[in-house]
Structure formats: structure tokens, C-alpha cells
Amino acid sequence: MGIQKGDLVRWVVDWGIFTVSADGEAHGAYPEYCYGLVVEVSSTDANAVVVHCFNRDNEWRILHMIHDEFEVISRGEIDE
């Protein structure tokens, strides 16, 4: 099932700290998430959505599941 209106999503907006591996590569640790509700799903790309964020000044965001790496953490109800 794809993304739908009313889904609760989250995505990483920052990292609490960065760690360095033995080979010198830096990696983020302790992700900080932004949460929002999907209010619209694109009719041309099912991975593109408009989200209302409720923990960052109530902003609106356009997100893409592949590029922004958001995840659905709760499904909304379908009105029929």
C-alpha cells in the first residue's frame, strides 16, 4: 500500500553527534527527526507528498520518499 493522506511520517533533519570509523569515514549518530502529517499525495509521482510539520514551527514541506528518506510510522484512516 502506498502513501496516503493522513499518514504520520518522519525524516532525519539533523544528527546529535558524528562518529568516525577506523577508516576515517564520518557517520551521523542519534538522529533528530521532524514529524508531520501527509496532506496531499502527488498524482504524477506517488513518492512525492505535501506534509504539515508539527514540531518545527508548523511549516509545510514538499518531500520525496527516495530523496528525503522519510518513513511512514502510522497509517491514517481511509474515508470511504
N, C-alpha and C. Protein backbone atom coordinates (compact mmCIF):
# COMPACT_ATOMS: atom_id res chain seq x y z
N MET A 1 0.85 -1.18 0.00
CA MET A 1 0.00 0.00 0.00
C MET A 1 0.89 1.23 0.00
N GLY A 2 0.53 2.23 -0.80
CA GLY A 2 1.33 3.43 -0.91
C GLY A 2 1.04 4.45 0.17
N ILE A 3 1.68 5.57 0.02
CA ILE A 3 1.48 6.68 0.96
C ILE A 3 0.10 7.27 0.71
N GLN A 4 -0.57 7.68 1.78
CA GLN A 4 -1.90 8.26 1.64
C GLN A 4 -2.08 9.43 2.60
N LYS A 5 -3.08 10.25 2.31
CA LYS A 5 -3.39 11.38 3.19
C LYS A 5 -3.65 10.88 4.60
N GLY A 6 -3.15 11.63 5.57
CA GLY A 6 -3.36 11.26 6.97
C GLY A 6 -2.25 10.42 7.57
N ASP A 7 -1.32 9.93 6.74
CA ASP A 7 -0.20 9.15 7.26
C ASP A 7 0.73 10.04 8.09
N LEU A 8 1.21 9.50 9.20
CA LEU A 8 2.20 10.19 10.02
C LEU A 8 3.58 9.75 9.54
N VAL A 9 4.42 10.71 9.18
CA VAL A 9 5.75 10.40 8.65
C VAL A 9 6.83 11.10 9.48
N ARG A 10 8.04 10.61 9.35
CA ARG A 10 9.18 11.28 9.99
C ARG A 10 10.39 11.16 9.07
N TRP A 11 11.32 12.12 9.24
CA TRP A 11 12.55 12.11 8.47
C TRP A 11 13.63 12.79 9.30
N VAL A 12 14.86 12.44 9.02
CA VAL A 12 16.00 12.98 9.76
C VAL A 12 16.28 14.41 9.30
N VAL A 13 16.39 15.33 10.27
CA VAL A 13 16.73 16.72 9.94
C VAL A 13 18.11 17.11 10.46
N ASP A 14 18.65 16.31 11.38
CA ASP A 14 19.98 16.60 11.93
C ASP A 14 20.47 15.37 12.68
N TRP A 15 21.70 15.41 13.08
CA TRP A 15 22.30 14.32 13.86
C TRP A 15 22.81 14.87 15.17
N GLY A 16 22.60 14.12 16.24
CA GLY A 16 23.04 14.54 17.57
C GLY A 16 24.56 14.64 17.65
N ILE A 17 25.23 13.65 17.10
CA ILE A 17 26.70 13.66 17.06
C ILE A 17 27.15 12.95 15.79
N PHE A 18 28.42 13.08 15.48
CA PHE A 18 29.01 12.34 14.38
C PHE A 18 30.12 11.48 14.94
N THR A 19 30.22 10.28 14.42
CA THR A 19 31.29 9.36 14.82
C THR A 19 32.17 9.10 13.61
N VAL A 20 33.40 8.73 13.88
CA VAL A 20 34.36 8.44 12.80
C VAL A 20 34.79 6.99 12.91
N SER A 21 34.69 6.28 11.80
CA SER A 21 35.09 4.87 11.78
C SER A 21 36.61 4.76 11.70
N ALA A 22 37.11 3.54 11.84
CA ALA A 22 38.56 3.30 11.81
C ALA A 22 39.18 3.72 10.48
N ASP A 23 38.40 3.66 9.39
CA ASP A 23 38.95 4.06 8.08
C ASP A 23 38.75 5.54 7.78
N GLY A 24 38.27 6.31 8.77
CA GLY A 24 38.20 7.77 8.64
C GLY A 24 36.89 8.32 8.11
N GLU A 25 35.87 7.48 7.91
CA GLU A 25 34.58 7.96 7.42
C GLU A 25 33.71 8.44 8.57
N ALA A 26 33.10 9.61 8.39
CA ALA A 26 32.21 10.17 9.42
C ALA A 26 30.78 9.69 9.16
N HIS A 27 30.07 9.34 10.24
CA HIS A 27 28.70 8.87 10.17
C HIS A 27 27.89 9.56 11.26
N GLY A 28 26.65 9.91 10.94
CA GLY A 28 25.78 10.50 11.93
C GLY A 28 25.29 9.46 12.92
N ALA A 29 25.12 9.88 14.16
CA ALA A 29 24.57 9.01 15.21
C ALA A 29 23.52 9.81 15.97
N TYR A 30 22.55 9.16 16.55
CA TYR A 30 21.46 9.79 17.29
C TYR A 30 20.70 10.78 16.41
N PRO A 31 19.91 10.26 15.48
CA PRO A 31 19.18 11.15 14.57
C PRO A 31 18.14 12.00 15.29
N GLU A 32 17.95 13.22 14.79
CA GLU A 32 16.89 14.11 15.26
C GLU A 32 15.85 14.16 14.14
N TYR A 33 14.60 13.84 14.48
CA TYR A 33 13.55 13.71 13.48
C TYR A 33 12.61 14.90 13.48
N CYS A 34 12.01 15.14 12.33
CA CYS A 34 10.88 16.03 12.19
C CYS A 34 9.69 15.13 11.86
N TYR A 35 8.52 15.45 12.41
CA TYR A 35 7.31 14.66 12.21
C TYR A 35 6.26 15.50 11.51
N GLY A 36 5.44 14.85 10.71
CA GLY A 36 4.37 15.58 10.03
C GLY A 36 3.30 14.66 9.50
N LEU A 37 2.18 15.26 9.12
CA LEU A 37 1.06 14.54 8.53
C LEU A 37 0.99 14.80 7.04
N VAL A 38 0.79 13.76 6.27
CA VAL A 38 0.65 13.89 4.82
C VAL A 38 -0.72 14.51 4.54
N VAL A 39 -0.73 15.63 3.82
CA VAL A 39 -1.98 16.29 3.48
C VAL A 39 -2.31 16.19 1.99
N GLU A 40 -1.32 15.82 1.18
CA GLU A 40 -1.55 15.64 -0.25
C GLU A 40 -0.49 14.72 -0.83
N VAL A 41 -0.92 13.85 -1.74
CA VAL A 41 -0.01 12.95 -2.45
C VAL A 41 -0.05 13.35 -3.92
N SER A 42 1.11 13.44 -4.56
CA SER A 42 1.18 13.83 -5.96
C SER A 42 0.43 12.84 -6.84
N SER A 43 -0.26 13.34 -7.84
CA SER A 43 -0.96 12.47 -8.79
C SER A 43 -0.02 11.94 -9.87
N THR A 44 1.18 12.54 -9.99
CA THR A 44 2.13 12.09 -11.02
C THR A 44 3.29 11.28 -10.44
N ASP A 45 3.57 11.42 -9.15
CA ASP A 45 4.65 10.67 -8.50
C ASP A 45 4.19 10.31 -7.10
N ALA A 46 3.84 9.06 -6.89
CA ALA A 46 3.27 8.62 -5.61
C ALA A 46 4.25 8.74 -4.44
N ASN A 47 5.53 8.99 -4.72
CA ASN A 47 6.53 9.17 -3.66
C ASN A 47 6.67 10.62 -3.23
N ALA A 48 6.01 11.55 -3.92
CA ALA A 48 6.09 12.97 -3.60
C ALA A 48 4.83 13.38 -2.83
N VAL A 49 5.03 14.06 -1.70
CA VAL A 49 3.91 14.42 -0.83
C VAL A 49 4.09 15.83 -0.27
N VAL A 50 2.96 16.41 0.15
CA VAL A 50 2.98 17.65 0.91
C VAL A 50 2.70 17.26 2.36
N VAL A 51 3.55 17.75 3.26
CA VAL A 51 3.46 17.38 4.67
C VAL A 51 3.34 18.63 5.53
N HIS A 52 2.47 18.56 6.54
CA HIS A 52 2.38 19.64 7.54
C HIS A 52 3.19 19.19 8.74
N CYS A 53 4.29 19.88 9.02
CA CYS A 53 5.17 19.54 10.14
C CYS A 53 4.61 20.14 11.42
N PHE A 54 4.64 19.38 12.50
CA PHE A 54 4.11 19.94 13.74
C PHE A 54 5.12 20.03 14.86
N ASN A 55 6.40 19.87 14.57
CA ASN A 55 7.38 20.11 15.62
C ASN A 55 8.48 21.07 15.17
N ARG A 56 8.26 21.76 14.06
CA ARG A 56 9.22 22.76 13.57
C ARG A 56 8.46 23.98 13.06
N ASP A 57 7.87 24.74 13.94
CA ASP A 57 7.16 25.98 13.59
C ASP A 57 6.00 25.77 12.64
N ASN A 58 5.37 24.60 12.66
CA ASN A 58 4.18 24.32 11.84
C ASN A 58 4.38 24.66 10.37
N GLU A 59 5.51 24.25 9.81
CA GLU A 59 5.83 24.51 8.41
C GLU A 59 5.17 23.49 7.49
N TRP A 60 5.05 23.85 6.23
CA TRP A 60 4.63 22.94 5.17
C TRP A 60 5.88 22.52 4.42
N ARG A 61 5.97 21.26 4.05
CA ARG A 61 7.13 20.76 3.31
C ARG A 61 6.67 19.90 2.15
N ILE A 62 7.40 19.95 1.05
CA ILE A 62 7.21 19.01 -0.04
C ILE A 62 8.36 18.02 0.08
N LEU A 63 8.03 16.75 0.24
CA LEU A 63 9.03 15.71 0.45
C LEU A 63 8.91 14.64 -0.61
N HIS A 64 10.02 13.98 -0.87
CA HIS A 64 10.03 12.83 -1.76
C HIS A 64 10.63 11.66 -0.99
N MET A 65 9.93 10.53 -1.00
CA MET A 65 10.33 9.39 -0.18
C MET A 65 11.75 8.93 -0.47
N ILE A 66 12.17 8.95 -1.72
CA ILE A 66 13.52 8.48 -2.07
C ILE A 66 14.58 9.52 -1.71
N HIS A 67 14.34 10.77 -2.07
CA HIS A 67 15.36 11.81 -1.86
C HIS A 67 15.45 12.26 -0.40
N ASP A 68 14.31 12.37 0.27
CA ASP A 68 14.29 12.85 1.66
C ASP A 68 14.30 11.71 2.68
N GLU A 69 14.16 10.49 2.19
CA GLU A 69 14.23 9.29 3.02
C GLU A 69 13.29 9.34 4.22
N PHE A 70 12.05 9.77 4.00
CA PHE A 70 11.09 9.75 5.11
C PHE A 70 10.48 8.36 5.21
N GLU A 71 9.93 8.09 6.38
CA GLU A 71 9.27 6.81 6.60
C GLU A 71 7.90 7.01 7.21
N VAL A 72 6.98 6.15 6.84
CA VAL A 72 5.63 6.17 7.40
C VAL A 72 5.68 5.44 8.73
N ILE A 73 5.25 6.11 9.82
CA ILE A 73 5.28 5.45 11.12
C ILE A 73 3.88 5.14 11.63
N SER A 74 2.85 5.69 10.96
CA SER A 74 1.48 5.37 11.33
C SER A 74 0.59 5.68 10.15
N ARG A 75 -0.37 4.81 9.90
CA ARG A 75 -1.29 4.99 8.79
C ARG A 75 -2.51 5.78 9.20
N GLY A 76 -2.97 6.67 8.31
CA GLY A 76 -4.21 7.39 8.54
C GLY A 76 -5.40 6.54 8.13
N GLU A 77 -6.57 6.93 8.55
CA GLU A 77 -7.78 6.22 8.15
C GLU A 77 -8.20 6.62 6.76
N ILE A 78 -8.76 5.68 6.03
CA ILE A 78 -9.24 5.96 4.68
C ILE A 78 -10.74 6.27 4.78
N ASP A 79 -11.14 7.45 4.26
CA ASP A 79 -12.55 7.82 4.22
C ASP A 79 -13.18 7.22 2.98
N GLU A 80 -14.24 6.46 3.17
CA GLU A 80 -14.93 5.87 2.01
C GLU A 80 -16.40 6.14 2.09
